[in-house]
PDB file of N, CA and C in Angstrom:
ATOM      1  N   MET A   1     103.080  77.052 113.896  1.00  0.00           N
ATOM      2  CA  MET A   1     104.175  76.293 113.337  1.00  0.00           C
ATOM      3  C   MET A   1     104.227  76.403 111.912  1.00  0.00           C
ATOM      4  N   ASP A   2     102.485  76.212 111.386  1.00  0.00           N
ATOM      5  CA  ASP A   2     102.336  77.066 109.848  1.00  0.00           C
ATOM      6  C   ASP A   2     103.263  77.701 109.471  1.00  0.00           C
ATOM      7  N   PHE A   3     102.579  78.920 109.997  1.00  0.00           N
ATOM      8  CA  PHE A   3     103.483  79.858 109.591  1.00  0.00           C
ATOM      9  C   PHE A   3     104.612  79.941 108.976  1.00  0.00           C
ATOM     10  N   HIS A   4     105.930  79.234 109.750  1.00  0.00           N
ATOM     11  CA  HIS A   4     107.360  78.968 109.671  1.00  0.00           C
ATOM     12  C   HIS A   4     107.285  77.719 108.676  1.00  0.00           C
ATOM     13  N   LEU A   5     106.368  77.188 108.399  1.00  0.00           N
ATOM     14  CA  LEU A   5     107.091  75.636 107.549  1.00  0.00           C
ATOM     15  C   LEU A   5     106.187  76.412 106.242  1.00  0.00           C
ATOM     16  N   LYS A   6     105.531  77.255 106.145  1.00  0.00           N
ATOM     17  CA  LYS A   6     105.129  77.796 104.551  1.00  0.00           C
ATOM     18  C   LYS A   6     105.529  79.188 104.317  1.00  0.00           C
ATOM     19  N   GLU A   7     106.075  79.297 105.511  1.00  0.00           N
ATOM     20  CA  GLU A   7     106.556  80.776 105.101  1.00  0.00           C
ATOM     21  C   GLU A   7     105.754  81.837 105.226  1.00  0.00           C
ATOM     22  N   LEU A   8     104.561  82.157 105.502  1.00  0.00           N
ATOM     23  CA  LEU A   8     103.447  82.750 105.416  1.00  0.00           C
ATOM     24  C   LEU A   8     103.751  84.382 106.491  1.00  0.00           C
ATOM     25  N   VAL A   9     103.464  85.025 105.933  1.00  0.00           N
ATOM     26  CA  VAL A   9     103.156  86.724 106.616  1.00  0.00           C
ATOM     27  C   VAL A   9     102.440  86.760 107.133  1.00  0.00           C
ATOM     28  N   LEU A  10     101.904  87.197 108.156  1.00  0.00           N
ATOM     29  CA  LEU A  10     100.503  87.975 109.137  1.00  0.00           C
ATOM     30  C   LEU A  10     100.923  89.037 109.150  1.00  0.00           C
ATOM     31  N   MET A  11      99.904  90.175 108.918  1.00  0.00           N
ATOM     32  CA  MET A  11      99.966  91.432 109.288  1.00  0.00           C
ATOM     33  C   MET A  11      98.494  91.746 109.714  1.00  0.00           C
ATOM     34  N   GLY A  12      98.145  92.584 110.450  1.00  0.00           N
ATOM     35  CA  GLY A  12      97.513  92.790 111.201  1.00  0.00           C
ATOM     36  C   GLY A  12      97.964  94.057 112.370  1.00  0.00           C
ATOM     37  N   CYS A  13      96.579  94.393 113.056  1.00  0.00           N
ATOM     38  CA  CYS A  13      96.587  95.685 113.935  1.00  0.00           C
ATOM     39  C   CYS A  13      95.681  95.769 114.611  1.00  0.00           C
ATOM     40  N   HIS A  14      95.583  95.647 115.918  1.00  0.00           N
ATOM     41  CA  HIS A  14      94.382  95.596 117.022  1.00  0.00           C
ATOM     42  C   HIS A  14      94.237  96.878 117.233  1.00  0.00           C
ATOM     43  N   GLN A  15      93.623  97.423 116.601  1.00  0.00           N
ATOM     44  CA  GLN A  15      93.285  99.178 116.903  1.00  0.00           C
ATOM     45  C   GLN A  15      93.336  99.737 118.238  1.00  0.00           C
ATOM     46  N   PRO A  16      92.016  99.081 118.800  1.00  0.00           N
ATOM     47  CA  PRO A  16      92.295 100.043 120.130  1.00  0.00           C
ATOM     48  C   PRO A  16      92.874 100.047 121.193  1.00  0.00           C
ATOM     49  N   LYS A  17      93.929  99.291 121.290  1.00  0.00           N
ATOM     50  CA  LYS A  17      94.978  99.104 121.773  1.00  0.00           C
ATOM     51  C   LYS A  17      96.071  99.656 121.715  1.00  0.00           C
ATOM     52  N   CYS A  18      96.156 100.356 119.943  1.00  0.00           N
ATOM     53  CA  CYS A  18      96.815 102.021 119.976  1.00  0.00           C
ATOM     54  C   CYS A  18      96.719 103.098 120.567  1.00  0.00           C
ATOM     55  N   PRO A  19      97.901 103.598 120.781  1.00  0.00           N
ATOM     56  CA  PRO A  19      97.699 105.005 121.053  1.00  0.00           C
ATOM     57  C   PRO A  19      97.155 106.160 120.340  1.00  0.00           C
ATOM     58  N   ILE A  20      96.988 106.545 121.045  1.00  0.00           N
ATOM     59  CA  ILE A  20      96.259 108.127 120.074  1.00  0.00           C
ATOM     60  C   ILE A  20      97.007 108.885 119.919  1.00  0.00           C
ATOM     61  N   HIS A  21      97.998 109.192 120.802  1.00  0.00           N
ATOM     62  CA  HIS A  21      99.662 109.646 120.490  1.00  0.00           C
ATOM     63  C   HIS A  21     100.316 109.405 120.942  1.00  0.00           C
ATOM     64  N   PRO A  22     101.366 109.356 120.167  1.00  0.00           N
ATOM     65  CA  PRO A  22     102.864 108.820 119.710  1.00  0.00           C
ATOM     66  C   PRO A  22     103.777 108.911 121.872  1.00  0.00           C
ATOM     67  N   THR A  23     104.106 107.739 121.743  1.00  0.00           N
ATOM     68  CA  THR A  23     105.039 108.286 123.149  1.00  0.00           C
ATOM     69  C   THR A  23     106.639 107.183 122.571  1.00  0.00           C
ATOM     70  N   GLY A  24     107.261 107.781 123.508  1.00  0.00           N
ATOM     71  CA  GLY A  24     108.870 107.064 122.630  1.00  0.00           C
ATOM     72  C   GLY A  24     108.893 106.028 122.834  1.00  0.00           C
ATOM     73  N   LEU A  25     107.909 104.936 123.740  1.00  0.00           N
ATOM     74  CA  LEU A  25     108.383 103.922 122.983  1.00  0.00           C
ATOM     75  C   LEU A  25     107.130 102.976 122.008  1.00  0.00           C
ATOM     76  N   PHE A  26     106.078 103.892 121.888  1.00  0.00           N
ATOM     77  CA  PHE A  26     105.033 103.571 121.012  1.00  0.00           C
ATOM     78  C   PHE A  26     104.870 103.997 120.543  1.00  0.00           C
ATOM     79  N   PRO A  27     105.698 104.548 118.946  1.00  0.00           N
ATOM     80  CA  PRO A  27     105.154 105.462 118.380  1.00  0.00           C
ATOM     81  C   PRO A  27     104.215 105.130 117.200  1.00  0.00           C
ATOM     82  N   TRP A  28     103.641 104.021 116.890  1.00  0.00           N
ATOM     83  CA  TRP A  28     102.220 103.649 115.954  1.00  0.00           C
ATOM     84  C   TRP A  28     101.244 104.313 116.752  1.00  0.00           C
ATOM     85  N   THR A  29     100.603 104.872 116.127  1.00  0.00           N
ATOM     86  CA  THR A  29      99.213 105.879 117.224  1.00  0.00           C
ATOM     87  C   THR A  29      98.061 105.513 116.064  1.00  0.00           C
ATOM     88  N   GLN A  30      96.906 105.192 116.574  1.00  0.00           N
ATOM     89  CA  GLN A  30      95.697 105.035 115.582  1.00  0.00           C
ATOM     90  C   GLN A  30      95.471 105.452 114.094  1.00  0.00           C
ATOM     91  N   GLN A  31      95.622 106.905 114.231  1.00  0.00           N
ATOM     92  CA  GLN A  31      95.698 107.309 113.136  1.00  0.00           C
ATOM     93  C   GLN A  31      97.104 107.156 111.811  1.00  0.00           C
ATOM     94  N   TYR A  32      98.283 106.689 112.750  1.00  0.00           N
ATOM     95  CA  TYR A  32      99.047 106.305 111.400  1.00  0.00           C
ATOM     96  C   TYR A  32      98.655 104.628 111.641  1.00  0.00           C
ATOM     97  N   ASN A  33      98.189 103.894 112.501  1.00  0.00           N
ATOM     98  CA  ASN A  33      98.216 102.883 111.191  1.00  0.00           C
ATOM     99  C   ASN A  33      96.844 103.086 110.670  1.00  0.00           C
ATOM    100  N   ARG A  34      95.639 104.056 110.839  1.00  0.00           N
ATOM    101  CA  ARG A  34      94.741 103.807 109.618  1.00  0.00           C
ATOM    102  C   ARG A  34      95.211 104.368 108.612  1.00  0.00           C
ATOM    103  N   GLY A  35      96.339 105.420 108.457  1.00  0.00           N
ATOM    104  CA  GLY A  35      96.640 106.137 107.263  1.00  0.00           C
ATOM    105  C   GLY A  35      97.895 104.914 106.542  1.00  0.00           C
ATOM    106  N   GLN A  36      98.139 104.137 107.139  1.00  0.00           N
ATOM    107  CA  GLN A  36      99.126 102.664 106.805  1.00  0.00           C
ATOM    108  C   GLN A  36      98.287 101.448 105.811  1.00  0.00           C
ATOM    109  N   ILE A  37      96.840 101.417 106.497  1.00  0.00           N
ATOM    110  CA  ILE A  37      96.417 100.630 106.046  1.00  0.00           C
ATOM    111  C   ILE A  37      95.913 101.255 105.083  1.00  0.00           C
ATOM    112  N   LEU A  38      95.231 102.249 104.609  1.00  0.00           N
ATOM    113  CA  LEU A  38      94.178 102.435 103.281  1.00  0.00           C
ATOM    114  C   LEU A  38      95.706 102.867 102.211  1.00  0.00           C
ATOM    115  N   THR A  39      96.876 103.504 102.610  1.00  0.00           N
ATOM    116  CA  THR A  39      97.446 103.318 101.684  1.00  0.00           C
ATOM    117  C   THR A  39      98.111 102.326 101.536  1.00  0.00           C
ATOM    118  N   MET A  40      97.967 100.959 101.673  1.00  0.00           N
ATOM    119  CA  MET A  40      98.230  99.410 101.402  1.00  0.00           C
ATOM    120  C   MET A  40      97.330  98.875 100.975  1.00  0.00           C
ATOM    121  N   ILE A  41      96.079  99.290 100.841  1.00  0.00           N
ATOM    122  CA  ILE A  41      94.926  99.176 100.087  1.00  0.00           C
ATOM    123  C   ILE A  41      95.090  99.834  98.621  1.00  0.00           C
ATOM    124  N   ALA A  42      95.640 101.159  98.935  1.00  0.00           N
ATOM    125  CA  ALA A  42      95.547 101.687  97.339  1.00  0.00           C
ATOM    126  C   ALA A  42      96.271 101.610  96.468  1.00  0.00           C
ATOM    127  N   ASP A  43      97.701 101.103  96.977  1.00  0.00           N
ATOM    128  CA  ASP A  43      99.013 100.587  96.142  1.00  0.00           C
ATOM    129  C   ASP A  43      98.401  99.060  95.544  1.00  0.00           C
ATOM    130  N   GLY A  44      98.183  98.383  96.405  1.00  0.00           N
ATOM    131  CA  GLY A  44      97.400  97.233  96.053  1.00  0.00           C
ATOM    132  C   GLY A  44      98.571  95.747  97.065  1.00  0.00           C
ATOM    133  N   ARG A  45      99.145  96.466  98.169  1.00  0.00           N
ATOM    134  CA  ARG A  45      99.430  95.676  98.170  1.00  0.00           C
ATOM    135  C   ARG A  45      98.865  95.227  99.524  1.00  0.00           C
ATOM    136  N   LEU A  46      97.249  95.697  99.656  1.00  0.00           N
ATOM    137  CA  LEU A  46      96.529  94.421 101.270  1.00  0.00           C
ATOM    138  C   LEU A  46      95.807  94.822  99.681  1.00  0.00           C
ATOM    139  N   ASP A  47      95.432  93.381  99.614  1.00  0.00           N
ATOM    140  CA  ASP A  47      93.857  92.924  98.784  1.00  0.00           C
ATOM    141  C   ASP A  47      92.856  92.522  99.037  1.00  0.00           C
ATOM    142  N   VAL A  48      91.411  93.499  99.698  1.00  0.00           N
ATOM    143  CA  VAL A  48      90.265  93.532 100.169  1.00  0.00           C
ATOM    144  C   VAL A  48      89.645  92.926  99.052  1.00  0.00           C
ATOM    145  N   LYS A  49      89.578  93.153  97.745  1.00  0.00           N
ATOM    146  CA  LYS A  49      88.123  92.378  96.688  1.00  0.00           C
ATOM    147  C   LYS A  49      87.839  91.346  97.680  1.00  0.00           C
ATOM    148  N   GLY A  50      88.569  90.513  97.972  1.00  0.00           N
ATOM    149  CA  GLY A  50      87.707  88.542  98.880  1.00  0.00           C
ATOM    150  C   GLY A  50      86.728  89.157 100.237  1.00  0.00           C
ATOM    151  N   LEU A  51      86.905  90.587 100.172  1.00  0.00           N
ATOM    152  CA  LEU A  51      86.230  90.940 101.695  1.00  0.00           C
ATOM    153  C   LEU A  51      85.192  91.212 101.845  1.00  0.00           C
ATOM    154  N   ILE A  52      84.872  91.587 100.561  1.00  0.00           N
ATOM    155  CA  ILE A  52      83.408  92.809  99.669  1.00  0.00           C
ATOM    156  C   ILE A  52      82.716  91.279  99.240  1.00  0.00           C
ATOM    157  N   SER A  53      81.522  91.481 100.555  1.00  0.00           N
ATOM    158  CA  SER A  53      80.193  90.842 100.367  1.00  0.00           C
ATOM    159  C   SER A  53      79.190  91.418  99.590  1.00  0.00           C
ATOM    160  N   HIS A  54      78.890  92.176  99.383  1.00  0.00           N
ATOM    161  CA  HIS A  54      77.850  93.054  99.115  1.00  0.00           C
ATOM    162  C   HIS A  54      78.049  94.514  98.516  1.00  0.00           C
ATOM    163  N   ARG A  55      77.461  95.080  97.654  1.00  0.00           N
ATOM    164  CA  ARG A  55      77.621  96.447  97.088  1.00  0.00           C
ATOM    165  C   ARG A  55      76.108  96.677  97.327  1.00  0.00           C
ATOM    166  N   LEU A  56      75.287  97.799  97.692  1.00  0.00           N
ATOM    167  CA  LEU A  56      74.215  97.597  98.242  1.00  0.00           C
ATOM    168  C   LEU A  56      74.158  99.478  97.802  1.00  0.00           C
ATOM    169  N   PRO A  57      72.567  99.865  97.394  1.00  0.00           N
ATOM    170  CA  PRO A  57      72.485 100.913  98.162  1.00  0.00           C
ATOM    171  C   PRO A  57      72.413 100.890  99.851  1.00  0.00           C
ATOM    172  N   GLY A  58      72.353 102.734 100.191  1.00  0.00           N
ATOM    173  CA  GLY A  58      72.037 102.519 101.491  1.00  0.00           C
ATOM    174  C   GLY A  58      71.182 101.894 102.091  1.00  0.00           C
ATOM    175  N   VAL A  59      70.040 102.110 102.100  1.00  0.00           N
ATOM    176  CA  VAL A  59      68.903 101.676 102.983  1.00  0.00           C
ATOM    177  C   VAL A  59      68.910 100.368 102.675  1.00  0.00           C
ATOM    178  N   GLU A  60      69.488  99.650 101.495  1.00  0.00           N
ATOM    179  CA  GLU A  60      69.492  97.854 101.899  1.00  0.00           C
ATOM    180  C   GLU A  60      70.333  97.344 102.665  1.00  0.00           C
ATOM    181  N   ALA A  61      71.502  98.506 102.703  1.00  0.00           N
ATOM    182  CA  ALA A  61      72.474  98.118 103.218  1.00  0.00           C
ATOM    183  C   ALA A  61      72.509  98.024 104.573  1.00  0.00           C
ATOM    184  N   TYR A  62      72.025  99.086 105.157  1.00  0.00           N
ATOM    185  CA  TYR A  62      71.491  99.431 106.470  1.00  0.00           C
ATOM    186  C   TYR A  62      70.442  98.285 106.917  1.00  0.00           C
ATOM    187  N   ARG A  63      69.534  97.869 106.413  1.00  0.00           N
ATOM    188  CA  ARG A  63      68.752  96.349 106.423  1.00  0.00           C
ATOM    189  C   ARG A  63      69.467  95.225 106.856  1.00  0.00           C
ATOM    190  N   LEU A  64      70.351  94.724 105.833  1.00  0.00           N
ATOM    191  CA  LEU A  64      71.155  93.618 105.617  1.00  0.00           C
ATOM    192  C   LEU A  64      71.979  94.273 107.151  1.00  0.00           C
ATOM    193  N   LEU A  65      72.684  94.703 107.641  1.00  0.00           N
ATOM    194  CA  LEU A  65      73.587  94.742 108.420  1.00  0.00           C
ATOM    195  C   LEU A  65      72.305  94.457 109.706  1.00  0.00           C
ATOM    196  N   ARG A  66      71.489  95.013 109.913  1.00  0.00           N
ATOM    197  CA  ARG A  66      70.552  95.376 111.389  1.00  0.00           C
ATOM    198  C   ARG A  66      69.930  93.811 111.077  1.00  0.00           C
ATOM    199  N   ASP A  67      69.236  93.295 110.180  1.00  0.00           N
ATOM    200  CA  ASP A  67      68.596  91.886 109.507  1.00  0.00           C
ATOM    201  C   ASP A  67      69.240  90.763 109.902  1.00  0.00           C
ATOM    202  N   GLU A  68      70.317  90.792 109.257  1.00  0.00           N
ATOM    203  CA  GLU A  68      70.930  89.677 108.494  1.00  0.00           C
ATOM    204  C   GLU A  68      72.721  89.757 108.566  1.00  0.00           C
ATOM    205  N   ARG A  69      72.833  90.058 109.631  1.00  0.00           N
ATOM    206  CA  ARG A  69      74.320  90.701 110.146  1.00  0.00           C
ATOM    207  C   ARG A  69      75.626  89.351 109.874  1.00  0.00           C
ATOM    208  N   ASP A  70      74.911  88.166 109.845  1.00  0.00           N
ATOM    209  CA  ASP A  70      75.450  86.771 109.373  1.00  0.00           C
ATOM    210  C   ASP A  70      76.169  87.044 108.421  1.00  0.00           C
ATOM    211  N   ARG A  71      75.217  87.487 107.039  1.00  0.00           N
ATOM    212  CA  ARG A  71      75.162  87.407 106.088  1.00  0.00           C
ATOM    213  C   ARG A  71      76.552  88.650 105.155  1.00  0.00           C
ATOM    214  N   ALA A  72      76.523  89.114 106.031  1.00  0.00           N
ATOM    215  CA  ALA A  72      77.227  90.722 105.637  1.00  0.00           C
ATOM    216  C   ALA A  72      78.960  90.193 105.863  1.00  0.00           C
ATOM    217  N   LEU A  73      79.955  90.498 105.406  1.00  0.00           N
ATOM    218  CA  LEU A  73      81.207  90.307 105.802  1.00  0.00           C
ATOM    219  C   LEU A  73      81.426  91.677 105.514  1.00  0.00           C
ATOM    220  N   GLY A  74      81.653  92.501 104.261  1.00  0.00           N
ATOM    221  CA  GLY A  74      82.130  93.861 103.594  1.00  0.00           C
ATOM    222  C   GLY A  74      80.868  94.204 103.034  1.00  0.00           C
ATOM    223  N   VAL A  75      80.431  95.422 103.238  1.00  0.00           N
ATOM    224  CA  VAL A  75      79.280  95.816 102.502  1.00  0.00           C
ATOM    225  C   VAL A  75      80.117  97.545 102.206  1.00  0.00           C
ATOM    226  N   ILE A  76      79.713  97.490 100.472  1.00  0.00           N
ATOM    227  CA  ILE A  76      79.974  99.084 100.395  1.00  0.00           C
ATOM    228  C   ILE A  76      79.170  99.434  99.449  1.00  0.00           C
ATOM    229  N   LEU A  77      78.654 100.850  99.998  1.00  0.00           N
ATOM    230  CA  LEU A  77      77.500 101.346 100.212  1.00  0.00           C
ATOM    231  C   LEU A  77      77.859 102.497  98.837  1.00  0.00           C
ATOM    232  N   ASN A  78      76.213 101.655  97.925  1.00  0.00           N
ATOM    233  CA  ASN A  78      76.286 102.714  96.832  1.00  0.00           C
ATOM    234  C   ASN A  78      75.501 103.799  96.958  1.00  0.00           C
ATOM    235  N   TRP A  79      75.622 105.148  96.802  1.00  0.00           N
ATOM    236  CA  TRP A  79      74.852 105.873  97.373  1.00  0.00           C
ATOM    237  C   TRP A  79      75.287 106.807  95.659  1.00  0.00           C
ATOM    238  N   PRO A  80      73.408 107.462  95.464  1.00  0.00           N
ATOM    239  CA  PRO A  80      73.438 108.132  94.171  1.00  0.00           C
ATOM    240  C   PRO A  80      74.292 109.461  93.990  1.00  0.00           C
ATOM    241  N   GLN A  81      74.599 109.208  93.031  1.00  0.00           N
ATOM    242  CA  GLN A  81      75.241 110.795  92.388  1.00  0.00           C
ATOM    243  C   GLN A  81      74.434 112.124  92.220  1.00  0.00           C
ATOM    244  N   LEU A  82      75.185 113.229  93.357  1.00  0.00           N
ATOM    245  CA  LEU A  82      74.367 114.098  93.273  1.00  0.00           C
ATOM    246  C   LEU A  82      74.690 115.209  92.356  1.00  0.00           C
ATOM    247  N   SER A  83      73.231 115.656  91.656  1.00  0.00           N
ATOM    248  CA  SER A  83      73.659 116.852  90.924  1.00  0.00           C
ATOM    249  C   SER A  83      73.801 117.593  91.056  1.00  0.00           C
ATOM    250  N   ARG A  84      74.775 119.039  90.770  1.00  0.00           N
ATOM    251  CA  ARG A  84      74.913 120.072  91.269  1.00  0.00           C
ATOM    252  C   ARG A  84      74.752 121.274  90.868  1.00  0.00           C
TER     253      ARG A  84
END
């Protein structure tokens, strides 16, 4: 009821239930949905900054996810620049 009263919009996807290949009844595939979500993040329609809890080097990030996963919501892996 709150969604109607507050005029909220909920957008979501249950990825594992989406087909791998399009069908006549359900053309939205896993690949299509992945592309859509990345497009929405890239063009600013979906703000995910609030979901990032940590920005860590790879080893520290994996340690956090292994040992303290309740503290991590969204982890960005910082990899050092590789020289060419």
